PDB file of all heavy atoms in Angstrom:
ATOM      1  N   GLN A   1     192.640  28.933 -35.516  1.00  0.00           N
ATOM      2  CA  GLN A   1     192.990  29.007 -36.949  1.00  0.00           C
ATOM      3  C   GLN A   1     193.397  30.419 -37.367  1.00  0.00           C
ATOM      4  O   GLN A   1     192.980  30.933 -38.399  1.00  0.00           O
ATOM      5  CB  GLN A   1     191.810  28.528 -37.808  1.00  0.00           C
ATOM      6  CG  GLN A   1     191.464  27.077 -37.535  1.00  0.00           C
ATOM      7  CD  GLN A   1     190.243  26.623 -38.305  1.00  0.00           C
ATOM      8  OE1 GLN A   1     189.366  27.429 -38.638  1.00  0.00           O
ATOM      9  NE2 GLN A   1     190.170  25.349 -38.587  1.00  0.00           N
ATOM     10  N   ALA A   2     194.241  31.048 -36.534  1.00  0.00           N
ATOM     11  CA  ALA A   2     194.633  32.442 -36.766  1.00  0.00           C
ATOM     12  C   ALA A   2     195.659  32.572 -37.888  1.00  0.00           C
ATOM     13  O   ALA A   2     196.294  31.598 -38.277  1.00  0.00           O
ATOM     14  CB  ALA A   2     195.210  33.025 -35.484  1.00  0.00           C
ATOM     15  N   SER A   3     195.811  33.800 -38.374  1.00  0.00           N
ATOM     16  CA  SER A   3     196.889  34.144 -39.308  1.00  0.00           C
ATOM     17  C   SER A   3     198.048  34.659 -38.473  1.00  0.00           C
ATOM     18  O   SER A   3     197.872  35.578 -37.666  1.00  0.00           O
ATOM     19  CB  SER A   3     196.434  35.250 -40.262  1.00  0.00           C
ATOM     20  OG  SER A   3     195.279  34.860 -40.970  1.00  0.00           O
ATOM     21  N   CYS A   4     199.239  34.074 -38.639  1.00  0.00           N
ATOM     22  CA  CYS A   4     200.424  34.538 -37.921  1.00  0.00           C
ATOM     23  C   CYS A   4     201.054  35.651 -38.758  1.00  0.00           C
ATOM     24  O   CYS A   4     201.287  35.475 -39.950  1.00  0.00           O
ATOM     25  CB  CYS A   4     201.419  33.395 -37.743  1.00  0.00           C
ATOM     26  SG  CYS A   4     200.729  31.966 -36.869  1.00  0.00           S
ATOM     27  N   CYS A   5     201.328  36.790 -38.131  1.00  0.00           N
ATOM     28  CA  CYS A   5     201.881  37.928 -38.878  1.00  0.00           C
ATOM     29  C   CYS A   5     203.385  37.777 -39.097  1.00  0.00           C
ATOM     30  O   CYS A   5     204.064  37.078 -38.335  1.00  0.00           O
ATOM     31  CB  CYS A   5     201.589  39.228 -38.135  1.00  0.00           C
ATOM     32  SG  CYS A   5     199.814  39.556 -37.962  1.00  0.00           S
ATOM     33  N   ALA A   6     203.889  38.433 -40.122  1.00  0.00           N
ATOM     34  CA  ALA A   6     205.296  38.314 -40.527  1.00  0.00           C
ATOM     35  C   ALA A   6     206.265  38.860 -39.488  1.00  0.00           C
ATOM     36  O   ALA A   6     207.433  38.482 -39.474  1.00  0.00           O
ATOM     37  CB  ALA A   6     205.511  39.031 -41.860  1.00  0.00           C
ATOM     38  N   ASP A   7     205.807  39.758 -38.582  1.00  0.00           N
ATOM     39  CA  ASP A   7     206.704  40.295 -37.557  1.00  0.00           C
ATOM     40  C   ASP A   7     206.984  39.274 -36.446  1.00  0.00           C
ATOM     41  O   ASP A   7     207.799  39.514 -35.575  1.00  0.00           O
ATOM     42  CB  ASP A   7     206.151  41.590 -36.962  1.00  0.00           C
ATOM     43  CG  ASP A   7     204.859  41.390 -36.176  1.00  0.00           C
ATOM     44  OD1 ASP A   7     204.298  40.268 -36.179  1.00  0.00           O
ATOM     45  OD2 ASP A   7     204.391  42.375 -35.549  1.00  0.00           O
ATOM     46  N   LYS A   8     206.311  38.137 -36.489  1.00  0.00           N
ATOM     47  CA  LYS A   8     206.474  37.045 -35.517  1.00  0.00           C
ATOM     48  C   LYS A   8     206.180  37.497 -34.085  1.00  0.00           C
ATOM     49  O   LYS A   8     206.730  36.956 -33.125  1.00  0.00           O
ATOM     50  CB  LYS A   8     207.864  36.415 -35.618  1.00  0.00           C
ATOM     51  CG  LYS A   8     208.092  35.754 -36.976  1.00  0.00           C
ATOM     52  CD  LYS A   8     209.380  34.997 -37.041  1.00  0.00           C
ATOM     53  CE  LYS A   8     209.495  34.272 -38.383  1.00  0.00           C
ATOM     54  NZ  LYS A   8     210.776  33.630 -38.563  1.00  0.00           N
ATOM     55  N   VAL A   9     205.307  38.504 -33.949  1.00  0.00           N
ATOM     56  CA  VAL A   9     204.876  38.994 -32.645  1.00  0.00           C
ATOM     57  C   VAL A   9     203.348  38.981 -32.580  1.00  0.00           C
ATOM     58  O   VAL A   9     202.760  38.578 -31.589  1.00  0.00           O
ATOM     59  CB  VAL A   9     205.396  40.431 -32.373  1.00  0.00           C
ATOM     60  CG1 VAL A   9     204.824  40.996 -31.074  1.00  0.00           C
ATOM     61  CG2 VAL A   9     206.917  40.449 -32.346  1.00  0.00           C
ATOM     62  N   HIS A  10     202.731  39.423 -33.689  1.00  0.00           N
ATOM     63  CA  HIS A  10     201.282  39.586 -33.719  1.00  0.00           C
ATOM     64  C   HIS A  10     200.591  38.495 -34.531  1.00  0.00           C
ATOM     65  O   HIS A  10     201.231  37.757 -35.278  1.00  0.00           O
ATOM     66  CB  HIS A  10     200.923  40.983 -34.284  1.00  0.00           C
ATOM     67  CG  HIS A  10     201.423  42.098 -33.435  1.00  0.00           C
ATOM     68  ND1 HIS A  10     202.620  42.741 -33.697  1.00  0.00           N
ATOM     69  CD2 HIS A  10     200.904  42.659 -32.318  1.00  0.00           C
ATOM     70  CE1 HIS A  10     202.810  43.664 -32.782  1.00  0.00           C
ATOM     71  NE2 HIS A  10     201.786  43.638 -31.930  1.00  0.00           N
ATOM     72  N   CYS A  11     199.256  38.463 -34.404  1.00  0.00           N
ATOM     73  CA  CYS A  11     198.449  37.527 -35.175  1.00  0.00           C
ATOM     74  C   CYS A  11     197.071  38.128 -35.386  1.00  0.00           C
ATOM     75  O   CYS A  11     196.678  39.071 -34.698  1.00  0.00           O
ATOM     76  CB  CYS A  11     198.355  36.184 -34.462  1.00  0.00           C
ATOM     77  SG  CYS A  11     197.690  36.286 -32.788  1.00  0.00           S
ATOM     78  N   CYS A  12     196.362  37.571 -36.340  1.00  0.00           N
ATOM     79  CA  CYS A  12     195.044  38.092 -36.705  1.00  0.00           C
ATOM     80  C   CYS A  12     194.034  36.951 -36.780  1.00  0.00           C
ATOM     81  O   CYS A  12     194.421  35.793 -37.000  1.00  0.00           O
ATOM     82  CB  CYS A  12     195.123  38.788 -38.068  1.00  0.00           C
ATOM     83  SG  CYS A  12     195.912  40.420 -37.982  1.00  0.00           S
ATOM     84  N   PRO A  13     192.735  37.265 -36.619  1.00  0.00           N
ATOM     85  CA  PRO A  13     191.725  36.209 -36.696  1.00  0.00           C
ATOM     86  C   PRO A  13     191.733  35.493 -38.040  1.00  0.00           C
ATOM     87  O   PRO A  13     192.237  36.020 -39.042  1.00  0.00           O
ATOM     88  CB  PRO A  13     190.405  36.958 -36.489  1.00  0.00           C
ATOM     89  CG  PRO A  13     190.775  38.234 -35.813  1.00  0.00           C
ATOM     90  CD  PRO A  13     192.143  38.577 -36.313  1.00  0.00           C
ATOM     91  N   HIS A  14     191.171  34.286 -38.046  1.00  0.00           N
ATOM     92  CA  HIS A  14     191.058  33.468 -39.250  1.00  0.00           C
ATOM     93  C   HIS A  14     190.436  34.284 -40.389  1.00  0.00           C
ATOM     94  O   HIS A  14     189.511  35.048 -40.169  1.00  0.00           O
ATOM     95  CB  HIS A  14     190.181  32.246 -38.931  1.00  0.00           C
ATOM     96  CG  HIS A  14     190.036  31.297 -40.073  1.00  0.00           C
ATOM     97  ND1 HIS A  14     191.109  30.621 -40.610  1.00  0.00           N
ATOM     98  CD2 HIS A  14     188.941  30.912 -40.786  1.00  0.00           C
ATOM     99  CE1 HIS A  14     190.679  29.863 -41.605  1.00  0.00           C
ATOM    100  NE2 HIS A  14     189.375  30.016 -41.733  1.00  0.00           N
ATOM    101  N   ALA A  15     190.958  34.132 -41.601  1.00  0.00           N
ATOM    102  CA  ALA A  15     190.452  34.783 -42.824  1.00  0.00           C
ATOM    103  C   ALA A  15     190.613  36.305 -42.810  1.00  0.00           C
ATOM    104  O   ALA A  15     189.894  37.012 -43.503  1.00  0.00           O
ATOM    105  CB  ALA A  15     188.989  34.405 -43.074  1.00  0.00           C
ATOM    106  N   THR A  16     191.576  36.821 -42.013  1.00  0.00           N
ATOM    107  CA  THR A  16     191.920  38.244 -42.104  1.00  0.00           C
ATOM    108  C   THR A  16     193.395  38.343 -42.491  1.00  0.00           C
ATOM    109  O   THR A  16     194.124  37.359 -42.447  1.00  0.00           O
ATOM    110  CB  THR A  16     191.683  38.997 -40.769  1.00  0.00           C
ATOM    111  OG1 THR A  16     192.571  38.482 -39.779  1.00  0.00           O
ATOM    112  CG2 THR A  16     190.247  38.865 -40.289  1.00  0.00           C
ATOM    113  N   VAL A  17     193.820  39.544 -42.866  1.00  0.00           N
ATOM    114  CA  VAL A  17     195.188  39.767 -43.330  1.00  0.00           C
ATOM    115  C   VAL A  17     195.876  40.741 -42.369  1.00  0.00           C
ATOM    116  O   VAL A  17     195.282  41.742 -41.959  1.00  0.00           O
ATOM    117  CB  VAL A  17     195.190  40.348 -44.766  1.00  0.00           C
ATOM    118  CG1 VAL A  17     196.605  40.667 -45.241  1.00  0.00           C
ATOM    119  CG2 VAL A  17     194.514  39.369 -45.719  1.00  0.00           C
ATOM    120  N   CYS A  18     197.141  40.455 -42.031  1.00  0.00           N
ATOM    121  CA  CYS A  18     197.919  41.334 -41.150  1.00  0.00           C
ATOM    122  C   CYS A  18     198.318  42.597 -41.913  1.00  0.00           C
ATOM    123  O   CYS A  18     198.900  42.516 -42.999  1.00  0.00           O
ATOM    124  CB  CYS A  18     199.198  40.637 -40.684  1.00  0.00           C
ATOM    125  SG  CYS A  18     198.932  39.103 -39.777  1.00  0.00           S
ATOM    126  N   ASP A  19     198.013  43.777 -41.347  1.00  0.00           N
ATOM    127  CA  ASP A  19     198.500  45.050 -41.877  1.00  0.00           C
ATOM    128  C   ASP A  19     199.419  45.622 -40.807  1.00  0.00           C
ATOM    129  O   ASP A  19     198.970  46.322 -39.886  1.00  0.00           O
ATOM    130  CB  ASP A  19     197.330  45.999 -42.177  1.00  0.00           C
ATOM    131  CG  ASP A  19     197.796  47.331 -42.772  1.00  0.00           C
ATOM    132  OD1 ASP A  19     199.015  47.617 -42.710  1.00  0.00           O
ATOM    133  OD2 ASP A  19     196.944  48.079 -43.272  1.00  0.00           O
ATOM    134  N   LEU A  20     200.716  45.266 -40.890  1.00  0.00           N
ATOM    135  CA  LEU A  20     201.666  45.650 -39.846  1.00  0.00           C
ATOM    136  C   LEU A  20     201.859  47.157 -39.774  1.00  0.00           C
ATOM    137  O   LEU A  20     202.072  47.701 -38.687  1.00  0.00           O
ATOM    138  CB  LEU A  20     203.007  44.942 -40.072  1.00  0.00           C
ATOM    139  CG  LEU A  20     202.969  43.411 -39.908  1.00  0.00           C
ATOM    140  CD1 LEU A  20     204.273  42.778 -40.356  1.00  0.00           C
ATOM    141  CD2 LEU A  20     202.674  43.033 -38.459  1.00  0.00           C
ATOM    142  N   ALA A  21     201.774  47.866 -40.907  1.00  0.00           N
ATOM    143  CA  ALA A  21     201.978  49.315 -40.938  1.00  0.00           C
ATOM    144  C   ALA A  21     200.940  50.024 -40.062  1.00  0.00           C
ATOM    145  O   ALA A  21     201.262  50.976 -39.357  1.00  0.00           O
ATOM    146  CB  ALA A  21     201.907  49.826 -42.374  1.00  0.00           C
ATOM    147  N   ARG A  22     199.709  49.534 -40.109  1.00  0.00           N
ATOM    148  CA  ARG A  22     198.647  50.185 -39.333  1.00  0.00           C
ATOM    149  C   ARG A  22     198.299  49.407 -38.051  1.00  0.00           C
ATOM    150  O   ARG A  22     197.447  49.857 -37.283  1.00  0.00           O
ATOM    151  CB  ARG A  22     197.392  50.355 -40.197  1.00  0.00           C
ATOM    152  CG  ARG A  22     197.615  51.403 -41.305  1.00  0.00           C
ATOM    153  CD  ARG A  22     196.346  51.788 -41.987  1.00  0.00           C
ATOM    154  NE  ARG A  22     195.795  50.662 -42.748  1.00  0.00           N
ATOM    155  CZ  ARG A  22     194.522  50.562 -43.113  1.00  0.00           C
ATOM    156  NH1 ARG A  22     193.667  51.499 -42.812  1.00  0.00           N
ATOM    157  NH2 ARG A  22     194.115  49.511 -43.807  1.00  0.00           N
ATOM    158  N   GLY A  23     198.934  48.250 -37.854  1.00  0.00           N
ATOM    159  CA  GLY A  23     198.661  47.462 -36.655  1.00  0.00           C
ATOM    160  C   GLY A  23     197.229  46.943 -36.602  1.00  0.00           C
ATOM    161  O   GLY A  23     196.617  46.887 -35.534  1.00  0.00           O
ATOM    162  N   ARG A  24     196.699  46.590 -37.774  1.00  0.00           N
ATOM    163  CA  ARG A  24     195.303  46.137 -37.853  1.00  0.00           C
ATOM    164  C   ARG A  24     195.235  44.800 -38.595  1.00  0.00           C
ATOM    165  O   ARG A  24     196.160  44.408 -39.287  1.00  0.00           O
ATOM    166  CB  ARG A  24     194.431  47.157 -38.619  1.00  0.00           C
ATOM    167  CG  ARG A  24     194.489  48.581 -38.133  1.00  0.00           C
ATOM    168  CD  ARG A  24     193.787  48.842 -36.826  1.00  0.00           C
ATOM    169  NE  ARG A  24     192.334  48.721 -36.939  1.00  0.00           N
ATOM    170  CZ  ARG A  24     191.503  48.710 -35.910  1.00  0.00           C
ATOM    171  NH1 ARG A  24     191.988  48.792 -34.685  1.00  0.00           N
ATOM    172  NH2 ARG A  24     190.212  48.612 -36.079  1.00  0.00           N
ATOM    173  N   CYS A  25     194.090  44.143 -38.455  1.00  0.00           N
ATOM    174  CA  CYS A  25     193.795  42.930 -39.206  1.00  0.00           C
ATOM    175  C   CYS A  25     192.699  43.304 -40.201  1.00  0.00           C
ATOM    176  O   CYS A  25     191.624  43.766 -39.799  1.00  0.00           O
ATOM    177  CB  CYS A  25     193.300  41.828 -38.269  1.00  0.00           C
ATOM    178  SG  CYS A  25     194.477  41.433 -36.948  1.00  0.00           S
ATOM    179  N   LEU A  26     192.986  43.116 -41.491  1.00  0.00           N
ATOM    180  CA  LEU A  26     192.061  43.559 -42.533  1.00  0.00           C
ATOM    181  C   LEU A  26     191.159  42.425 -43.003  1.00  0.00           C
ATOM    182  O   LEU A  26     191.617  41.305 -43.210  1.00  0.00           O
ATOM    183  CB  LEU A  26     192.834  44.108 -43.739  1.00  0.00           C
ATOM    184  CG  LEU A  26     193.923  45.155 -43.454  1.00  0.00           C
ATOM    185  CD1 LEU A  26     194.621  45.545 -44.751  1.00  0.00           C
ATOM    186  CD2 LEU A  26     193.329  46.374 -42.774  1.00  0.00           C
ATOM    187  N   SER A  27     189.860  42.746 -43.148  1.00  0.00           N
ATOM    188  CA  SER A  27     188.919  41.797 -43.754  1.00  0.00           C
ATOM    189  C   SER A  27     187.840  42.580 -44.461  1.00  0.00           C
ATOM    190  O   SER A  27     187.680  43.780 -44.237  1.00  0.00           O
ATOM    191  CB  SER A  27     188.298  40.889 -42.685  1.00  0.00           C
ATOM    192  OG  SER A  27     187.267  41.560 -41.992  1.00  0.00           O
ATOM    193  N   SER A  28     187.080  41.915 -45.307  1.00  0.00           N
ATOM    194  CA  SER A  28     186.014  42.596 -46.049  1.00  0.00           C
ATOM    195  C   SER A  28     184.922  43.088 -45.093  1.00  0.00           C
ATOM    196  O   SER A  28     184.200  44.032 -45.400  1.00  0.00           O
ATOM    197  CB  SER A  28     185.408  41.649 -47.093  1.00  0.00           C
ATOM    198  OG  SER A  28     184.992  40.449 -46.457  1.00  0.00           O
ATOM    199  N   ALA A  29     184.825  42.485 -43.909  1.00  0.00           N
ATOM    200  CA  ALA A  29     183.804  42.890 -42.941  1.00  0.00           C
ATOM    201  C   ALA A  29     184.263  44.072 -42.082  1.00  0.00           C
ATOM    202  O   ALA A  29     183.489  44.587 -41.285  1.00  0.00           O
ATOM    203  CB  ALA A  29     183.447  41.712 -42.042  1.00  0.00           C
ATOM    204  N   GLY A  30     185.518  44.506 -42.232  1.00  0.00           N
ATOM    205  CA  GLY A  30     186.033  45.623 -41.437  1.00  0.00           C
ATOM    206  C   GLY A  30     187.333  45.252 -40.747  1.00  0.00           C
ATOM    207  O   GLY A  30     187.702  44.086 -40.688  1.00  0.00           O
ATOM    208  N   ASP A  31     188.039  46.271 -40.248  1.00  0.00           N
ATOM    209  CA  ASP A  31     189.327  46.068 -39.614  1.00  0.00           C
ATOM    210  C   ASP A  31     189.140  45.764 -38.127  1.00  0.00           C
ATOM    211  O   ASP A  31     188.229  46.286 -37.487  1.00  0.00           O
ATOM    212  CB  ASP A  31     190.196  47.333 -39.743  1.00  0.00           C
ATOM    213  CG  ASP A  31     190.495  47.660 -41.204  1.00  0.00           C
ATOM    214  OD1 ASP A  31     190.101  46.872 -42.072  1.00  0.00           O
ATOM    215  OD2 ASP A  31     191.125  48.704 -41.444  1.00  0.00           O
ATOM    216  N   VAL A  32     190.036  44.927 -37.585  1.00  0.00           N
ATOM    217  CA  VAL A  32     190.031  44.636 -36.144  1.00  0.00           C
ATOM    218  C   VAL A  32     191.453  44.777 -35.624  1.00  0.00           C
ATOM    219  O   VAL A  32     192.410  44.660 -36.391  1.00  0.00           O
ATOM    220  CB  VAL A  32     189.478  43.217 -35.831  1.00  0.00           C
ATOM    221  CG1 VAL A  32     188.001  43.114 -36.139  1.00  0.00           C
ATOM    222  CG2 VAL A  32     190.253  42.146 -36.556  1.00  0.00           C
ATOM    223  N   PRO A  33     191.641  45.029 -34.311  1.00  0.00           N
ATOM    224  CA  PRO A  33     192.999  45.149 -33.772  1.00  0.00           C
ATOM    225  C   PRO A  33     193.733  43.794 -33.829  1.00  0.00           C
ATOM    226  O   PRO A  33     193.112  42.744 -33.811  1.00  0.00           O
ATOM    227  CB  PRO A  33     192.795  45.561 -32.308  1.00  0.00           C
ATOM    228  CG  PRO A  33     191.344  45.860 -32.139  1.00  0.00           C
ATOM    229  CD  PRO A  33     190.614  45.249 -33.291  1.00  0.00           C
ATOM    230  N   MET A  34     195.051  43.865 -33.865  1.00  0.00           N
ATOM    231  CA  MET A  34     195.874  42.660 -33.894  1.00  0.00           C
ATOM    232  C   MET A  34     195.934  42.030 -32.510  1.00  0.00           C
ATOM    233  O   MET A  34     195.846  42.724 -31.506  1.00  0.00           O
ATOM    234  CB  MET A  34     197.309  42.990 -34.320  1.00  0.00           C
ATOM    235  CG  MET A  34     197.442  43.337 -35.765  1.00  0.00           C
ATOM    236  SD  MET A  34     199.178  43.601 -36.143  1.00  0.00           S
ATOM    237  CE  MET A  34     199.147  43.310 -37.892  1.00  0.00           C
ATOM    238  N   GLY A  35     196.125  40.720 -32.491  1.00  0.00           N
ATOM    239  CA  GLY A  35     196.374  40.014 -31.240  1.00  0.00           C
ATOM    240  C   GLY A  35     197.866  39.835 -31.060  1.00  0.00           C
ATOM    241  O   GLY A  35     198.642  40.004 -32.000  1.00  0.00           O
ATOM    242  N   THR A  36     198.280  39.509 -29.836  1.00  0.00           N
ATOM    243  CA  THR A  36     199.690  39.255 -29.539  1.00  0.00           C
ATOM    244  C   THR A  36     199.831  37.816 -29.051  1.00  0.00           C
ATOM    245  O   THR A  36     199.042  37.363 -28.222  1.00  0.00           O
ATOM    246  CB  THR A  36     200.200  40.219 -28.447  1.00  0.00           C
ATOM    247  OG1 THR A  36     199.908  41.549 -28.860  1.00  0.00           O
ATOM    248  CG2 THR A  36     201.697  40.075 -28.238  1.00  0.00           C
ATOM    249  N   ALA A  37     200.834  37.132 -29.569  1.00  0.00           N
ATOM    250  CA  ALA A  37     201.063  35.742 -29.167  1.00  0.00           C
ATOM    251  C   ALA A  37     201.680  35.695 -27.774  1.00  0.00           C
ATOM    252  O   ALA A  37     202.416  36.596 -27.380  1.00  0.00           O
ATOM    253  CB  ALA A  37     201.970  35.053 -30.172  1.00  0.00           C
ATOM    254  N   PHE A  38     201.352  34.651 -27.024  1.00  0.00           N
ATOM    255  CA  PHE A  38     201.979  34.409 -25.717  1.00  0.00           C
ATOM    256  C   PHE A  38     202.768  33.106 -25.835  1.00  0.00           C
ATOM    257  O   PHE A  38     202.509  32.312 -26.740  1.00  0.00           O
ATOM    258  CB  PHE A  38     200.920  34.353 -24.598  1.00  0.00           C
ATOM    259  CG  PHE A  38     199.831  33.332 -24.801  1.00  0.00           C
ATOM    260  CD1 PHE A  38     199.962  32.027 -24.318  1.00  0.00           C
ATOM    261  CD2 PHE A  38     198.657  33.676 -25.478  1.00  0.00           C
ATOM    262  CE1 PHE A  38     198.957  31.103 -24.508  1.00  0.00           C
ATOM    263  CE2 PHE A  38     197.652  32.748 -25.674  1.00  0.00           C
ATOM    264  CZ  PHE A  38     197.800  31.453 -25.186  1.00  0.00           C
ATOM    265  N   PRO A  39     203.728  32.870 -24.944  1.00  0.00           N
ATOM    266  CA  PRO A  39     204.593  31.687 -25.112  1.00  0.00           C
ATOM    267  C   PRO A  39     203.807  30.362 -25.041  1.00  0.00           C
ATOM    268  O   PRO A  39     202.875  30.233 -24.256  1.00  0.00           O
ATOM    269  CB  PRO A  39     205.575  31.781 -23.935  1.00  0.00           C
ATOM    270  CG  PRO A  39     205.496  33.191 -23.463  1.00  0.00           C
ATOM    271  CD  PRO A  39     204.120  33.677 -23.789  1.00  0.00           C
TER     272      PRO A  39
END
């Protein structure tokens, strides 16, 4: 149930927001690194 990022390359865990400028996934519990989609 991930969030797909607008760059169509990265994704973030469920209930987090993609911050493409910083390459992070934002949530109230803290930032986490972005994931990358595979085919």
